[in-house]
Amino acid sequence: MRMACGPVVLLALSAWGGTALAAEAVVGQPAPEFSLTDTRGEARAVSDFRGDFVVLEWFNNECPFVRKHYDSGNMQALQADAATAGTSWLTIVSSAPGKQGHIAADEANAIIESRGAKQTALLLDPEGAVGRLYGAKTTPHMFVLDPDGIVIYAGAIDDRASTDPADIPGATNYVRQALAQARAGKPVAVPTSRPYGCSVKY
């Protein structure tokens, strides 16, 4: 079945459009620094959250892969569990103006409220600078940072690359797994995976 979101992207983390990105987020290395304005008008720098585990989530409200995880409540439950454990969660919209998924602050706040989302903040990246900085390929594309700001996971939310919510219960959630293992002082068993979803609409 053809998806409305455009081409599905299943790419390794080393390239964007065939060109390597020297500054993209690399597991085991410090996360690239950035500052974006959230939907409440507050500047948020990733370094502001040093000392916490941090999840970065790339978001496009019109993407069926994103809707799979929000319509089912899976993403909100993951956000809530992360917050309970003291993890900061930053959702980032890198869709360009005029492209699918682009939203203004007021619309974004309405979406957050209607979906009952539990992220720390939703950040707007209309020029795509931070998305490209991290090498974000898809929505969703997930990154987990440890309290020292080191990237400990980059890739898909789970191992079921589909739009079917029925796949969620049997999936291995890589984000949940990475946070649990890192908090327990264990190495992250799956530090990278291929992101799946709609291509980020730069």
Protein backbone atom coordinates (compact mmCIF):
# COMPACT_ATOMS: atom_id res chain seq x y z
CA MET A 1 0.00 0.00 0.00
CA ARG A 2 1.40 3.42 -0.95
CA MET A 3 1.91 5.70 2.05
CA ALA A 4 0.99 9.37 1.99
CA CYS A 5 4.20 10.35 3.71
CA GLY A 6 6.38 9.92 0.63
CA PRO A 7 9.31 7.54 0.39
CA VAL A 8 10.18 5.36 3.34
CA VAL A 9 13.83 5.71 4.28
CA LEU A 10 15.87 2.84 5.68
CA LEU A 11 19.44 4.14 5.69
CA ALA A 12 22.58 3.71 7.72
CA LEU A 13 23.59 6.63 9.90
CA SER A 14 26.73 7.51 7.94
CA ALA A 15 25.29 9.46 5.04
CA TRP A 16 22.66 11.96 4.00
CA GLY A 17 21.75 12.24 0.36
CA GLY A 18 24.89 10.30 -0.48
CA THR A 19 27.16 12.83 1.24
CA ALA A 20 28.81 12.10 4.57
CA LEU A 21 28.02 14.51 7.37
CA ALA A 22 31.06 15.11 9.53
CA ALA A 23 29.05 16.68 12.33
CA GLU A 24 26.22 14.16 12.61
CA ALA A 25 25.55 12.40 15.88
CA VAL A 26 27.76 9.35 16.35
CA VAL A 27 27.29 6.75 19.08
CA GLY A 28 30.08 6.98 21.62
CA GLN A 29 30.81 10.62 20.78
CA PRO A 30 29.52 13.88 22.33
CA ALA A 31 26.16 14.93 20.94
CA PRO A 32 26.38 17.97 18.65
CA GLU A 33 25.41 21.12 20.51
CA PHE A 34 22.35 23.06 19.36
CA SER A 35 19.80 25.59 20.52
CA LEU A 36 16.24 25.80 19.18
CA THR A 37 13.13 27.70 20.19
CA ASP A 38 10.34 25.58 21.64
CA THR A 39 6.63 26.06 21.01
CA ARG A 40 6.38 28.31 24.09
CA GLY A 41 9.03 30.68 22.75
CA GLU A 42 11.83 29.48 25.04
CA ALA A 43 15.32 28.78 23.72
CA ARG A 44 16.41 25.24 24.54
CA ALA A 45 20.03 24.13 24.22
CA VAL A 46 20.83 20.44 24.43
CA SER A 47 23.56 21.28 26.93
CA ASP A 48 20.89 22.72 29.25
CA PHE A 49 19.96 19.11 30.01
CA ARG A 50 23.44 17.91 30.91
CA GLY A 51 23.18 15.66 33.93
CA ASP A 52 20.00 14.00 32.62
CA PHE A 53 19.46 11.25 30.13
CA VAL A 54 17.98 12.90 27.03
CA VAL A 55 15.86 11.48 24.22
CA LEU A 56 15.65 13.31 20.89
CA GLU A 57 12.66 12.38 18.72
CA TRP A 58 12.15 13.62 15.15
CA PHE A 59 8.44 14.25 14.52
CA ASN A 60 6.05 14.76 11.61
CA ASN A 61 2.40 14.70 12.65
CA GLU A 62 1.27 13.71 9.16
CA CYS A 63 3.55 10.69 8.85
CA PRO A 64 1.74 7.34 9.27
CA PHE A 65 4.75 5.83 11.04
CA VAL A 66 4.58 8.63 13.63
CA ARG A 67 0.82 8.21 13.88
CA LYS A 68 1.30 4.50 14.57
CA HIS A 69 3.14 5.33 17.78
CA TYR A 70 0.98 8.29 18.83
CA ASP A 71 -2.50 7.00 17.87
CA SER A 72 -1.76 3.83 19.85
CA GLY A 73 -0.45 5.80 22.85
CA ASN A 74 2.90 4.02 22.58
CA MET A 75 5.01 7.17 22.25
CA GLN A 76 3.16 8.96 25.05
CA ALA A 77 3.66 5.99 27.39
CA LEU A 78 7.36 5.91 26.56
CA GLN A 79 7.62 9.66 27.18
CA ALA A 80 5.81 9.34 30.50
CA ASP A 81 7.99 6.45 31.66
CA ALA A 82 11.11 8.37 30.67
CA ALA A 83 9.95 11.46 32.57
CA THR A 84 9.23 9.40 35.69
CA ALA A 85 12.82 8.17 35.57
CA GLY A 86 14.15 11.72 35.21
CA THR A 87 14.82 11.64 31.47
CA SER A 88 14.36 14.82 29.43
CA TRP A 89 12.56 14.33 26.10
CA LEU A 90 12.94 16.77 23.21
CA THR A 91 10.69 16.35 20.17
CA ILE A 92 12.01 18.11 17.07
CA VAL A 93 10.15 19.16 13.91
CA SER A 94 12.54 19.72 11.00
CA SER A 95 9.93 19.94 8.20
CA ALA A 96 10.52 23.03 6.05
CA PRO A 97 7.79 25.63 5.42
CA GLY A 98 5.46 24.35 2.72
CA LYS A 99 6.54 20.75 3.27
CA GLN A 100 4.58 17.95 4.92
CA GLY A 101 4.72 18.10 8.72
CA HIS A 102 5.66 21.77 9.01
CA ILE A 103 3.79 23.33 11.92
CA ALA A 104 3.73 26.70 13.66
CA ALA A 105 4.00 26.96 17.43
CA ASP A 106 0.26 27.37 18.10
CA GLU A 107 -0.62 24.39 15.92
CA ALA A 108 2.11 22.32 17.56
CA ASN A 109 0.79 23.11 21.03
CA ALA A 110 -2.71 22.08 19.96
CA ILE A 111 -1.33 18.79 18.61
CA ILE A 112 0.56 18.12 21.85
CA GLU A 113 -2.58 18.75 23.90
CA SER A 114 -4.87 16.68 21.68
CA ARG A 115 -2.49 13.72 21.69
CA GLY A 116 -1.67 13.91 25.38
CA ALA A 117 2.03 13.97 24.55
CA LYS A 118 4.43 13.99 27.50
CA GLN A 119 7.65 15.38 26.06
CA THR A 120 9.71 17.98 27.93
CA ALA A 121 9.51 20.34 24.96
CA LEU A 122 8.68 20.40 21.26
CA LEU A 123 11.36 22.26 19.30
CA LEU A 124 10.92 23.92 15.91
CA ASP A 125 13.69 23.49 13.32
CA PRO A 126 12.11 24.89 10.12
CA GLU A 127 15.46 25.43 8.41
CA GLY A 128 16.44 21.84 9.13
CA ALA A 129 19.79 22.86 10.59
CA VAL A 130 19.58 20.62 13.66
CA GLY A 131 18.09 17.73 11.72
CA ARG A 132 21.00 17.83 9.31
CA LEU A 133 23.47 18.34 12.16
CA TYR A 134 22.31 15.07 13.71
CA GLY A 135 21.82 13.26 10.41
CA ALA A 136 18.11 12.74 11.11
CA LYS A 137 16.69 10.71 8.23
CA THR A 138 13.17 9.72 9.20
CA THR A 139 10.18 10.44 11.37
CA PRO A 140 10.51 9.04 13.88
CA HIS A 141 14.31 9.00 14.25
CA MET A 142 15.49 8.57 17.83
CA PHE A 143 18.66 9.46 19.70
CA VAL A 144 19.49 8.81 23.36
CA LEU A 145 22.16 10.83 25.20
CA ASP A 146 23.65 9.95 28.56
CA PRO A 147 24.06 12.50 31.39
CA ASP A 148 27.52 13.44 30.05
CA GLY A 149 26.03 14.32 26.68
CA ILE A 150 27.37 11.24 24.92
CA VAL A 151 25.21 9.59 22.26
CA ILE A 152 24.44 6.06 23.44
CA TYR A 153 21.73 5.14 20.93
CA ALA A 154 20.77 6.27 17.43
CA GLY A 155 18.19 4.76 15.11
CA ALA A 156 14.65 3.43 15.01
CA ILE A 157 12.22 3.44 17.91
CA ASP A 158 11.87 -0.35 17.62
CA ASP A 159 12.47 -3.37 15.40
CA ARG A 160 9.09 -3.43 13.61
CA ALA A 161 9.34 -1.17 10.55
CA SER A 162 5.63 -0.93 9.80
CA THR A 163 2.67 1.40 10.21
CA ASP A 164 0.58 -1.27 11.95
CA PRO A 165 -0.06 -0.60 15.66
CA ALA A 166 -0.64 -4.33 16.15
CA ASP A 167 3.12 -4.79 15.76
CA ILE A 168 3.93 -2.71 18.85
CA PRO A 169 3.33 -5.29 21.63
CA GLY A 170 5.76 -7.78 20.10
CA ALA A 171 8.42 -5.23 19.20
CA THR A 172 11.73 -4.63 20.93
CA ASN A 173 11.67 -0.94 21.83
CA TYR A 174 15.27 0.14 21.37
CA VAL A 175 14.81 3.47 23.18
CA ARG A 176 13.28 1.90 26.28
CA GLN A 177 15.96 -0.80 26.22
CA ALA A 178 18.83 1.69 25.88
CA LEU A 179 17.58 3.82 28.77
CA ALA A 180 17.03 0.83 31.06
CA GLN A 181 20.41 -0.71 30.32
CA ALA A 182 22.33 2.56 30.66
CA ARG A 183 20.59 3.41 33.94
CA ALA A 184 21.57 -0.01 35.27
CA GLY A 185 25.20 0.66 34.38
CA LYS A 186 25.17 -1.89 31.57
CA PRO A 187 26.33 -1.42 27.99
CA VAL A 188 23.56 -0.71 25.50
CA ALA A 189 22.96 -4.00 23.68
CA VAL A 190 21.77 -2.35 20.46
CA PRO A 191 23.46 1.06 20.19
CA THR A 192 22.51 1.66 16.54
CA SER A 193 19.76 0.52 14.20
CA ARG A 194 18.38 1.56 10.84
CA PRO A 195 15.77 4.29 11.31
CA TYR A 196 12.45 3.70 9.58
CA GLY A 197 9.59 6.01 8.69
CA CYS A 198 8.86 8.93 6.39
CA SER A 199 11.85 10.89 5.12
CA VAL A 200 12.43 14.14 6.99
CA LYS A 201 10.97 16.88 4.79
CA TYR A 202 13.91 19.31 4.63
